[in-house]
Amino acid sequence: MQAATIRFTALLLATATHAGFAGDWPQWRGPTRNSASTEQISTNWLEGGPRVRWSAAVGTGFSGVSIARGRAYTMGNATNEDSVWCFDARSGQQLWKQDYPAQLSPQWYEGGPGATPTVEGERVYTISKWGDVFCFNGLTGSILWRRDLREDGIKPNRWGFAGSPLIWRDLLILNAGGSGTALDRSTGRLVWSNGTNATGYASPALFRSGNDETVLVFAAQNLVALDPRTGVERWRYPWKTDWDTNNSDPTVSDDCILLSSFSRGCSLLSLKSGAPEPLYDSKAVCNNLSPGVLLGRFYYVFSGEAKKDTELRCLDLPTGQLKWTLKEPSFGSLIATDGNLLVLTEKGELLMFGTGPAGRGHAAVAGLIPKADPVARAKVLSGTCWTPPSLANGLLYVRNAKGELRCLELARQ
């Protein structure tokens, strides 16, 4: 386990350095798209919570914040127009904004864009809930190319596209079009697409085996593994959920993949033979909206077959054994930093939990958190907060559904 932890840390640091500054968070769920950071942050918060460095109103939606090279990017909707925003990451100064027509379309939730911008070098890639794909110059905001997937016959999902773009070599891979679509990231040219039907809501993920890479796309009723170069299907695993809501990204751990959803439970698939073989299938965790976080062998997630019954759970991934549950906090999103859990509850409370009996950095050994109070807690937002926080260079970025964005100071002194 110690060797696995060292390999994970080395991969995280190498990927972060490649993407930009070592402390950047340039895409959905961070440098390696797993909601984990190696940053050490302060737990000595002021009585009123961490200091708000800056705030902005960015419009309704659930887009996360991507931070790269001193700039912060996100999306929102106002008066049936989407906006892509760029701020100075430290001061909050608006550097540019691009608008385009897009329906808000609330349907049992507030509406607005659900995908998070992806930053690669000086380019920023976005997708709207209806299929407007953009490539922006990250410095100036100028549009380098634009593609409307509807013109390719690709149908939006019931609640619109929500998966965030994945960069793979010279391709921009999207969870759109049945089981995935790839565009040339320099020109926007369509390279491959697997149909035009609606798909799932999770973001594409990479599975690596030796020197080989596979793209995992959560379609409406299956997890589909694709050759990223051609889009050719390698295998699929059936995963049917209520209303075809495959929301949470598949979680990769060595040669295994964890699948979980609120109405289906969870399964751990082994890829040792090259084809998926279930190791277990249970109701131990049922992901509800927010992806979980894997630390060592332990998987932390807000779980519940119905949102009113959710709770924070810890799963021993290799065995499928449920280690513990916490009724409070009952619902929210979470990321990992320095081996601990940072939770943003649905109601805007920020909580820091140690993950071992001795506190910091023991998740890989014990998979435990104290049953007493968290290490630190503060009310940082109001309204509905479903978007996971982003952590970059000692600053934490949080937002609510109505578009109040706050940058909080969490750097260690």
Protein backbone atom coordinates (compact mmCIF):
# COMPACT_ATOMS: atom_id res chain seq x y z
CA MET A 1 0.00 0.00 0.00
CA GLN A 2 2.87 2.35 0.75
CA ALA A 3 4.31 1.76 -2.74
CA ALA A 4 0.90 2.40 -4.31
CA THR A 5 0.61 5.68 -2.41
CA ILE A 6 4.06 6.77 -3.62
CA ARG A 7 3.13 5.95 -7.23
CA PHE A 8 -0.13 7.92 -6.88
CA THR A 9 1.68 10.98 -5.50
CA ALA A 10 4.34 10.88 -8.22
CA LEU A 11 1.67 10.64 -10.94
CA LEU A 12 -0.29 13.52 -9.42
CA LEU A 13 2.77 15.80 -9.28
CA ALA A 14 3.91 14.89 -12.79
CA THR A 15 0.48 15.51 -14.27
CA ALA A 16 0.02 18.81 -12.43
CA THR A 17 3.40 20.06 -13.65
CA HIS A 18 2.56 19.09 -17.23
CA ALA A 19 -0.83 20.87 -17.10
CA GLY A 20 0.56 24.19 -15.85
CA PHE A 21 1.69 25.38 -12.44
CA ALA A 22 2.19 22.57 -9.93
CA GLY A 23 -0.71 23.83 -7.80
CA ASP A 24 -3.18 24.37 -10.65
CA TRP A 25 -6.61 22.73 -10.98
CA PRO A 26 -7.02 22.98 -14.77
CA GLN A 27 -10.08 20.78 -15.37
CA TRP A 28 -13.01 18.93 -13.86
CA ARG A 29 -11.90 17.27 -10.60
CA GLY A 30 -8.38 18.60 -10.78
CA PRO A 31 -5.05 17.71 -12.39
CA THR A 32 -5.74 13.98 -12.68
CA ARG A 33 -9.56 14.15 -12.70
CA ASN A 34 -9.82 12.33 -9.36
CA SER A 35 -10.67 15.18 -6.93
CA ALA A 36 -7.35 14.78 -5.11
CA SER A 37 -4.71 17.38 -4.30
CA THR A 38 -1.38 17.18 -2.48
CA GLU A 39 -1.71 20.76 -1.15
CA GLN A 40 -1.48 21.35 2.57
CA ILE A 41 -4.04 23.91 3.68
CA SER A 42 -4.75 25.77 6.88
CA THR A 43 -7.27 24.47 9.38
CA ASN A 44 -6.92 27.54 11.62
CA TRP A 45 -9.92 29.33 10.18
CA LEU A 46 -11.22 32.61 11.53
CA GLU A 47 -14.39 32.55 13.60
CA GLY A 48 -16.39 33.55 10.55
CA GLY A 49 -14.58 31.06 8.31
CA PRO A 50 -11.74 31.43 5.81
CA ARG A 51 -11.21 34.97 4.51
CA VAL A 52 -13.08 35.71 1.28
CA ARG A 53 -10.43 36.99 -1.09
CA TRP A 54 -12.94 37.88 -3.82
CA SER A 55 -16.42 37.06 -5.07
CA ALA A 56 -18.35 37.34 -8.33
CA ALA A 57 -21.80 36.64 -9.78
CA VAL A 58 -21.40 34.26 -12.74
CA GLY A 59 -24.99 33.19 -13.48
CA THR A 60 -27.05 30.09 -12.76
CA GLY A 61 -25.46 26.68 -13.22
CA PHE A 62 -23.28 23.94 -11.80
CA SER A 63 -20.06 24.42 -13.73
CA GLY A 64 -16.95 24.01 -11.61
CA VAL A 65 -13.96 26.37 -11.58
CA SER A 66 -10.78 25.53 -13.50
CA ILE A 67 -7.58 27.33 -12.52
CA ALA A 68 -4.45 27.49 -14.68
CA ARG A 69 -1.55 29.92 -15.08
CA GLY A 70 -3.04 32.48 -12.73
CA ARG A 71 -6.52 32.51 -14.27
CA ALA A 72 -9.85 31.04 -13.14
CA TYR A 73 -12.54 29.93 -15.61
CA THR A 74 -16.17 28.93 -15.11
CA MET A 75 -19.63 29.12 -16.74
CA GLY A 76 -23.12 30.32 -15.88
CA ASN A 77 -26.44 31.40 -17.42
CA ALA A 78 -28.41 34.66 -17.17
CA THR A 79 -31.39 35.82 -19.27
CA ASN A 80 -31.08 32.67 -21.44
CA GLU A 81 -27.48 33.34 -22.32
CA ASP A 82 -24.54 31.23 -21.26
CA SER A 83 -21.40 33.07 -20.22
CA VAL A 84 -17.86 31.73 -20.10
CA TRP A 85 -15.90 33.76 -17.55
CA CYS A 86 -12.20 34.37 -17.02
CA PHE A 87 -10.93 36.00 -13.81
CA ASP A 88 -7.54 36.74 -12.38
CA ALA A 89 -7.31 33.80 -9.97
CA ARG A 90 -5.92 35.83 -7.07
CA SER A 91 -7.61 39.21 -7.38
CA GLY A 92 -10.92 38.28 -9.01
CA GLN A 93 -10.52 40.93 -11.72
CA GLN A 94 -12.64 40.02 -14.73
CA LEU A 95 -10.28 39.51 -17.65
CA TRP A 96 -12.83 38.50 -20.28
CA LYS A 97 -16.32 37.05 -20.82
CA GLN A 98 -17.97 35.42 -23.81
CA ASP A 99 -21.75 35.06 -24.18
CA TYR A 100 -23.94 32.97 -26.49
CA PRO A 101 -27.69 32.13 -26.56
CA ALA A 102 -28.66 29.13 -24.41
CA GLN A 103 -31.90 28.21 -22.65
CA LEU A 104 -31.71 27.96 -18.86
CA SER A 105 -34.15 25.01 -18.79
CA PRO A 106 -34.64 24.31 -15.10
CA GLN A 107 -36.21 20.87 -14.62
CA TRP A 108 -36.39 19.84 -10.94
CA TYR A 109 -33.23 21.91 -10.43
CA GLU A 110 -32.08 25.45 -11.17
CA GLY A 111 -30.78 24.80 -14.70
CA GLY A 112 -27.78 26.29 -16.49
CA PRO A 113 -24.52 24.71 -17.69
CA GLY A 114 -23.24 21.63 -15.89
CA ALA A 115 -19.85 21.06 -17.50
CA THR A 116 -16.56 22.54 -16.29
CA PRO A 117 -14.03 24.24 -18.63
CA THR A 118 -10.91 22.27 -19.56
CA VAL A 119 -7.66 24.23 -19.87
CA GLU A 120 -4.70 22.99 -21.90
CA GLY A 121 -1.84 25.41 -22.46
CA GLU A 122 -3.32 28.73 -23.58
CA ARG A 123 -6.59 27.18 -24.79
CA VAL A 124 -9.87 26.74 -22.93
CA TYR A 125 -12.49 24.19 -24.03
CA THR A 126 -16.16 24.27 -23.00
CA ILE A 127 -19.41 22.48 -23.83
CA SER A 128 -22.90 23.82 -23.13
CA LYS A 129 -25.78 21.63 -22.02
CA TRP A 130 -27.14 21.82 -25.59
CA GLY A 131 -23.95 20.93 -27.47
CA ASP A 132 -22.23 24.26 -28.20
CA VAL A 133 -18.52 23.38 -28.07
CA PHE A 134 -16.00 26.23 -27.94
CA CYS A 135 -12.26 26.63 -28.01
CA PHE A 136 -11.15 29.99 -26.59
CA ASN A 137 -7.83 31.73 -26.39
CA GLY A 138 -7.40 31.63 -22.63
CA LEU A 139 -5.54 34.94 -22.55
CA THR A 140 -7.80 37.10 -24.71
CA GLY A 141 -11.12 35.21 -24.80
CA SER A 142 -11.19 35.21 -28.59
CA ILE A 143 -13.03 32.25 -30.15
CA LEU A 144 -10.55 30.00 -31.96
CA TRP A 145 -13.26 27.62 -33.15
CA ARG A 146 -16.85 26.66 -32.41
CA ARG A 147 -18.94 23.57 -33.19
CA ASP A 148 -22.64 22.93 -32.61
CA LEU A 149 -23.09 19.19 -32.09
CA ARG A 150 -26.77 19.49 -32.98
CA GLU A 151 -25.68 20.25 -36.55
CA ASP A 152 -24.03 16.81 -36.52
CA GLY A 153 -27.37 15.26 -35.48
CA ILE A 154 -26.19 14.60 -31.90
CA LYS A 155 -29.10 14.86 -29.46
CA PRO A 156 -28.71 16.46 -26.01
CA ASN A 157 -29.62 14.39 -22.97
CA ARG A 158 -32.87 14.94 -21.09
CA TRP A 159 -31.08 17.34 -18.72
CA GLY A 160 -28.49 18.44 -21.27
CA PHE A 161 -24.83 17.52 -21.59
CA ALA A 162 -22.99 17.59 -18.27
CA GLY A 163 -19.73 15.72 -18.92
CA SER A 164 -16.62 17.92 -18.99
CA PRO A 165 -14.19 17.72 -21.95
CA LEU A 166 -11.22 15.35 -21.76
CA ILE A 167 -7.98 16.12 -23.62
CA TRP A 168 -6.26 13.08 -25.12
CA ARG A 169 -3.26 13.91 -27.30
CA ASP A 170 -4.66 15.98 -30.20
CA LEU A 171 -8.31 15.10 -29.44
CA LEU A 172 -11.08 16.67 -27.38
CA ILE A 173 -13.22 13.78 -26.15
CA LEU A 174 -16.82 14.43 -25.07
CA ASN A 175 -19.55 12.33 -23.50
CA ALA A 176 -21.94 13.07 -26.35
CA GLY A 177 -23.39 11.05 -29.21
CA GLY A 178 -24.43 7.62 -27.92
CA SER A 179 -21.09 6.61 -26.44
CA GLY A 180 -18.63 9.39 -27.12
CA THR A 181 -17.51 11.95 -29.67
CA ALA A 182 -14.02 13.25 -30.44
CA LEU A 183 -13.06 16.54 -32.08
CA ASP A 184 -9.69 17.69 -33.32
CA ARG A 185 -8.71 20.05 -30.52
CA SER A 186 -6.88 22.43 -32.86
CA THR A 187 -9.67 22.88 -35.40
CA GLY A 188 -12.93 21.46 -34.00
CA ARG A 189 -13.15 18.96 -36.86
CA LEU A 190 -15.23 15.86 -36.10
CA VAL A 191 -12.81 12.91 -35.84
CA TRP A 192 -15.14 10.16 -34.63
CA SER A 193 -18.57 9.77 -33.07
CA ASN A 194 -20.54 6.76 -31.85
CA GLY A 195 -24.06 7.65 -32.84
CA THR A 196 -26.45 10.51 -32.21
CA ASN A 197 -28.57 9.27 -29.29
CA ALA A 198 -28.55 10.73 -25.80
CA THR A 199 -25.86 9.44 -23.44
CA GLY A 200 -24.98 9.59 -19.73
CA TYR A 201 -23.99 12.62 -17.65
CA ALA A 202 -20.58 11.58 -16.31
CA SER A 203 -17.32 12.91 -17.73
CA PRO A 204 -15.02 10.73 -19.87
CA ALA A 205 -12.22 9.02 -17.95
CA LEU A 206 -8.96 7.31 -18.89
CA PHE A 207 -8.02 3.74 -17.99
CA ARG A 208 -4.34 2.88 -18.37
CA SER A 209 -2.87 -0.61 -18.65
CA GLY A 210 0.86 -0.55 -19.30
CA ASN A 211 1.37 1.69 -22.31
CA ASP A 212 -2.20 1.23 -23.52
CA GLU A 213 -4.95 3.77 -22.82
CA THR A 214 -8.71 3.29 -22.99
CA VAL A 215 -11.39 5.98 -22.76
CA LEU A 216 -14.31 5.16 -20.48
CA VAL A 217 -17.62 6.76 -21.44
CA PHE A 218 -20.76 6.34 -19.35
CA ALA A 219 -23.50 5.95 -21.94
CA ALA A 220 -27.19 5.99 -21.05
CA GLN A 221 -27.30 2.31 -20.04
CA ASN A 222 -23.74 1.02 -20.32
CA LEU A 223 -20.15 1.80 -19.43
CA VAL A 224 -18.36 1.75 -22.79
CA ALA A 225 -14.60 1.35 -23.27
CA LEU A 226 -13.20 2.90 -26.46
CA ASP A 227 -9.96 3.13 -28.39
CA PRO A 228 -9.32 6.88 -27.98
CA ARG A 229 -7.71 7.18 -31.42
CA THR A 230 -10.65 5.79 -33.39
CA GLY A 231 -13.64 5.55 -31.04
CA VAL A 232 -13.87 1.83 -31.80
CA GLU A 233 -15.56 -0.04 -28.95
CA ARG A 234 -13.38 -2.45 -26.99
CA TRP A 235 -16.01 -3.67 -24.53
CA ARG A 236 -19.17 -2.55 -22.74
CA TYR A 237 -20.70 -3.35 -19.37
CA PRO A 238 -24.45 -2.94 -18.78
CA TRP A 239 -25.34 -0.33 -16.17
CA LYS A 240 -29.01 0.64 -16.18
CA THR A 241 -30.24 3.36 -13.83
CA ASP A 242 -33.51 5.21 -13.26
CA TRP A 243 -34.03 7.84 -16.00
CA ASP A 244 -30.66 6.84 -17.54
CA THR A 245 -28.89 9.06 -15.03
CA ASN A 246 -25.35 7.76 -14.99
CA ASN A 247 -24.06 10.86 -13.22
CA SER A 248 -20.88 9.90 -11.37
CA ASP A 249 -17.59 9.27 -13.14
CA PRO A 250 -16.21 5.72 -13.05
CA THR A 251 -13.42 5.42 -10.47
CA VAL A 252 -10.21 3.76 -11.64
CA SER A 253 -7.94 1.93 -9.18
CA ASP A 254 -5.04 0.00 -10.71
CA ASP A 255 -6.69 -2.69 -12.90
CA CYS A 256 -10.17 -2.18 -11.42
CA ILE A 257 -13.07 0.20 -12.10
CA LEU A 258 -15.76 1.11 -9.56
CA LEU A 259 -19.22 2.00 -10.87
CA SER A 260 -21.90 3.48 -8.65
CA SER A 261 -25.20 5.32 -8.93
CA PHE A 262 -28.06 6.27 -6.63
CA SER A 263 -30.56 3.77 -8.07
CA ARG A 264 -28.20 0.90 -8.88
CA GLY A 265 -25.70 0.53 -6.06
CA CYS A 266 -22.07 -0.26 -6.88
CA SER A 267 -19.91 -2.82 -8.70
CA LEU A 268 -16.16 -3.29 -8.81
CA LEU A 269 -14.95 -4.54 -12.19
CA SER A 270 -11.61 -6.27 -12.74
CA LEU A 271 -9.87 -5.76 -16.09
CA LYS A 272 -7.05 -8.24 -15.48
CA SER A 273 -8.27 -10.43 -18.32
CA GLY A 274 -8.86 -7.48 -20.65
CA ALA A 275 -12.65 -7.75 -20.30
CA PRO A 276 -14.71 -6.52 -17.33
CA GLU A 277 -15.38 -9.16 -14.67
CA PRO A 278 -17.43 -8.12 -11.61
CA LEU A 279 -15.71 -8.76 -8.28
CA TYR A 280 -18.78 -7.71 -6.32
CA ASP A 281 -22.14 -6.02 -6.78
CA SER A 282 -23.86 -4.43 -3.80
CA LYS A 283 -25.82 -1.54 -2.32
CA ALA A 284 -22.96 -0.60 0.01
CA VAL A 285 -22.64 2.78 -1.71
CA CYS A 286 -25.06 4.45 -4.09
CA ASN A 287 -23.47 7.61 -5.49
CA ASN A 288 -25.83 10.56 -5.48
CA LEU A 289 -24.69 13.30 -7.89
CA SER A 290 -21.19 14.05 -6.60
CA PRO A 291 -18.32 11.67 -7.48
CA GLY A 292 -16.59 10.03 -4.57
CA VAL A 293 -12.92 10.27 -3.65
CA LEU A 294 -10.48 7.35 -3.48
CA LEU A 295 -7.67 7.57 -0.91
CA GLY A 296 -5.51 4.48 -0.78
CA ARG A 297 -7.96 1.57 -0.65
CA PHE A 298 -10.84 3.60 0.80
CA TYR A 299 -13.60 5.27 -1.17
CA TYR A 300 -15.50 8.20 0.41
CA VAL A 301 -18.84 9.28 -1.06
CA PHE A 302 -22.25 10.77 -0.34
CA SER A 303 -24.50 7.76 -0.78
CA GLY A 304 -28.24 7.20 -0.91
CA GLU A 305 -30.93 5.64 -3.09
CA ALA A 306 -32.98 8.79 -2.54
CA LYS A 307 -31.55 12.25 -1.88
CA LYS A 308 -33.49 12.60 1.37
CA ASP A 309 -31.77 9.47 2.70
CA THR A 310 -28.17 10.32 1.81
CA GLU A 311 -25.19 10.10 4.18
CA LEU A 312 -21.41 10.14 4.03
CA ARG A 313 -19.94 6.64 3.66
CA CYS A 314 -16.56 4.94 3.49
CA LEU A 315 -16.12 1.80 1.38
CA ASP A 316 -13.14 -0.56 1.51
CA LEU A 317 -12.77 -0.71 -2.25
CA PRO A 318 -11.05 -4.11 -2.72
CA THR A 319 -13.52 -5.99 -0.51
CA GLY A 320 -16.71 -3.97 -0.90
CA GLN A 321 -17.04 -3.79 2.89
CA LEU A 322 -18.77 -0.69 4.25
CA LYS A 323 -16.42 0.74 6.91
CA TRP A 324 -18.60 3.48 8.38
CA THR A 325 -21.43 5.94 7.77
CA LEU A 326 -22.08 9.49 8.98
CA LYS A 327 -25.57 10.94 9.01
CA GLU A 328 -24.16 14.48 9.17
CA PRO A 329 -23.11 15.94 6.84
CA SER A 330 -25.83 14.19 4.87
CA PHE A 331 -25.32 15.57 1.36
CA GLY A 332 -22.77 17.58 -0.60
CA SER A 333 -19.55 17.19 -2.55
CA LEU A 334 -16.00 16.43 -1.50
CA ILE A 335 -12.39 16.60 -2.55
CA ALA A 336 -9.22 15.28 -0.92
CA THR A 337 -6.29 17.44 0.08
CA ASP A 338 -3.15 16.29 1.89
CA GLY A 339 -4.88 12.99 2.70
CA ASN A 340 -7.91 14.60 4.34
CA LEU A 341 -11.45 15.29 3.18
CA LEU A 342 -12.75 18.77 2.40
CA VAL A 343 -16.54 18.74 2.20
CA LEU A 344 -18.89 21.41 0.84
CA THR A 345 -22.39 20.57 2.03
CA GLU A 346 -25.50 21.18 -0.04
CA LYS A 347 -26.31 24.13 2.23
CA GLY A 348 -22.91 25.79 1.86
CA GLU A 349 -21.06 24.67 4.97
CA LEU A 350 -17.37 23.87 4.51
CA LEU A 351 -16.00 21.01 6.64
CA MET A 352 -12.50 19.57 6.98
CA PHE A 353 -12.21 15.96 8.20
CA GLY A 354 -9.09 14.08 9.17
CA THR A 355 -9.14 10.57 7.69
CA GLY A 356 -7.24 8.59 10.28
CA PRO A 357 -7.40 8.01 14.05
CA ALA A 358 -4.36 10.27 14.43
CA GLY A 359 -5.79 12.85 12.04
CA ARG A 360 -3.86 13.98 8.96
CA GLY A 361 -2.74 11.62 6.26
CA HIS A 362 -3.84 8.20 7.56
CA ALA A 363 -6.58 7.36 5.05
CA ALA A 364 -4.54 4.67 3.28
CA VAL A 365 -4.02 2.88 6.61
CA ALA A 366 -7.23 3.21 8.55
CA GLY A 367 -10.02 4.60 6.38
CA LEU A 368 -11.42 6.30 9.43
CA ILE A 369 -12.54 9.78 10.38
CA PRO A 370 -13.29 11.00 13.88
CA LYS A 371 -16.90 10.64 14.96
CA ALA A 372 -16.55 13.95 16.81
CA ASP A 373 -16.45 17.40 15.23
CA PRO A 374 -14.49 17.99 12.03
CA VAL A 375 -11.05 19.57 12.21
CA ALA A 376 -12.54 22.85 10.93
CA ARG A 377 -15.95 24.08 9.76
CA ALA A 378 -17.52 27.30 8.51
CA LYS A 379 -20.57 28.54 6.64
CA VAL A 380 -19.20 29.88 3.34
CA LEU A 381 -22.23 30.04 1.00
CA SER A 382 -26.02 29.97 0.99
CA GLY A 383 -28.45 28.42 -1.46
CA THR A 384 -28.00 25.08 -3.25
CA CYS A 385 -24.36 23.95 -3.44
CA TRP A 386 -23.87 20.85 -5.60
CA THR A 387 -20.68 21.88 -7.43
CA PRO A 388 -17.47 20.39 -5.95
CA PRO A 389 -14.87 22.93 -4.77
CA SER A 390 -11.63 23.59 -6.68
CA LEU A 391 -8.32 24.02 -4.84
CA ALA A 392 -5.33 25.76 -6.42
CA ASN A 393 -2.29 27.47 -4.92
CA GLY A 394 -3.76 27.91 -1.44
CA LEU A 395 -7.10 29.25 -2.70
CA LEU A 396 -10.43 27.40 -2.62
CA TYR A 397 -13.13 28.27 -5.16
CA VAL A 398 -16.76 27.51 -4.25
CA ARG A 399 -20.05 28.40 -5.92
CA ASN A 400 -23.77 27.86 -5.55
CA ALA A 401 -26.46 27.10 -8.12
CA LYS A 402 -27.48 30.75 -8.51
CA GLY A 403 -23.94 31.67 -9.48
CA GLU A 404 -22.38 33.24 -6.39
CA LEU A 405 -18.70 32.42 -6.72
CA ARG A 406 -16.27 32.90 -3.82
CA CYS A 407 -12.52 32.55 -3.58
CA LEU A 408 -11.39 31.61 -0.05
CA GLU A 409 -7.92 31.84 1.42
CA LEU A 410 -6.77 28.49 2.78
CA ALA A 411 -2.99 28.71 2.37
CA ARG A 412 -0.89 27.61 5.31
CA GLN A 413 0.93 30.48 6.98
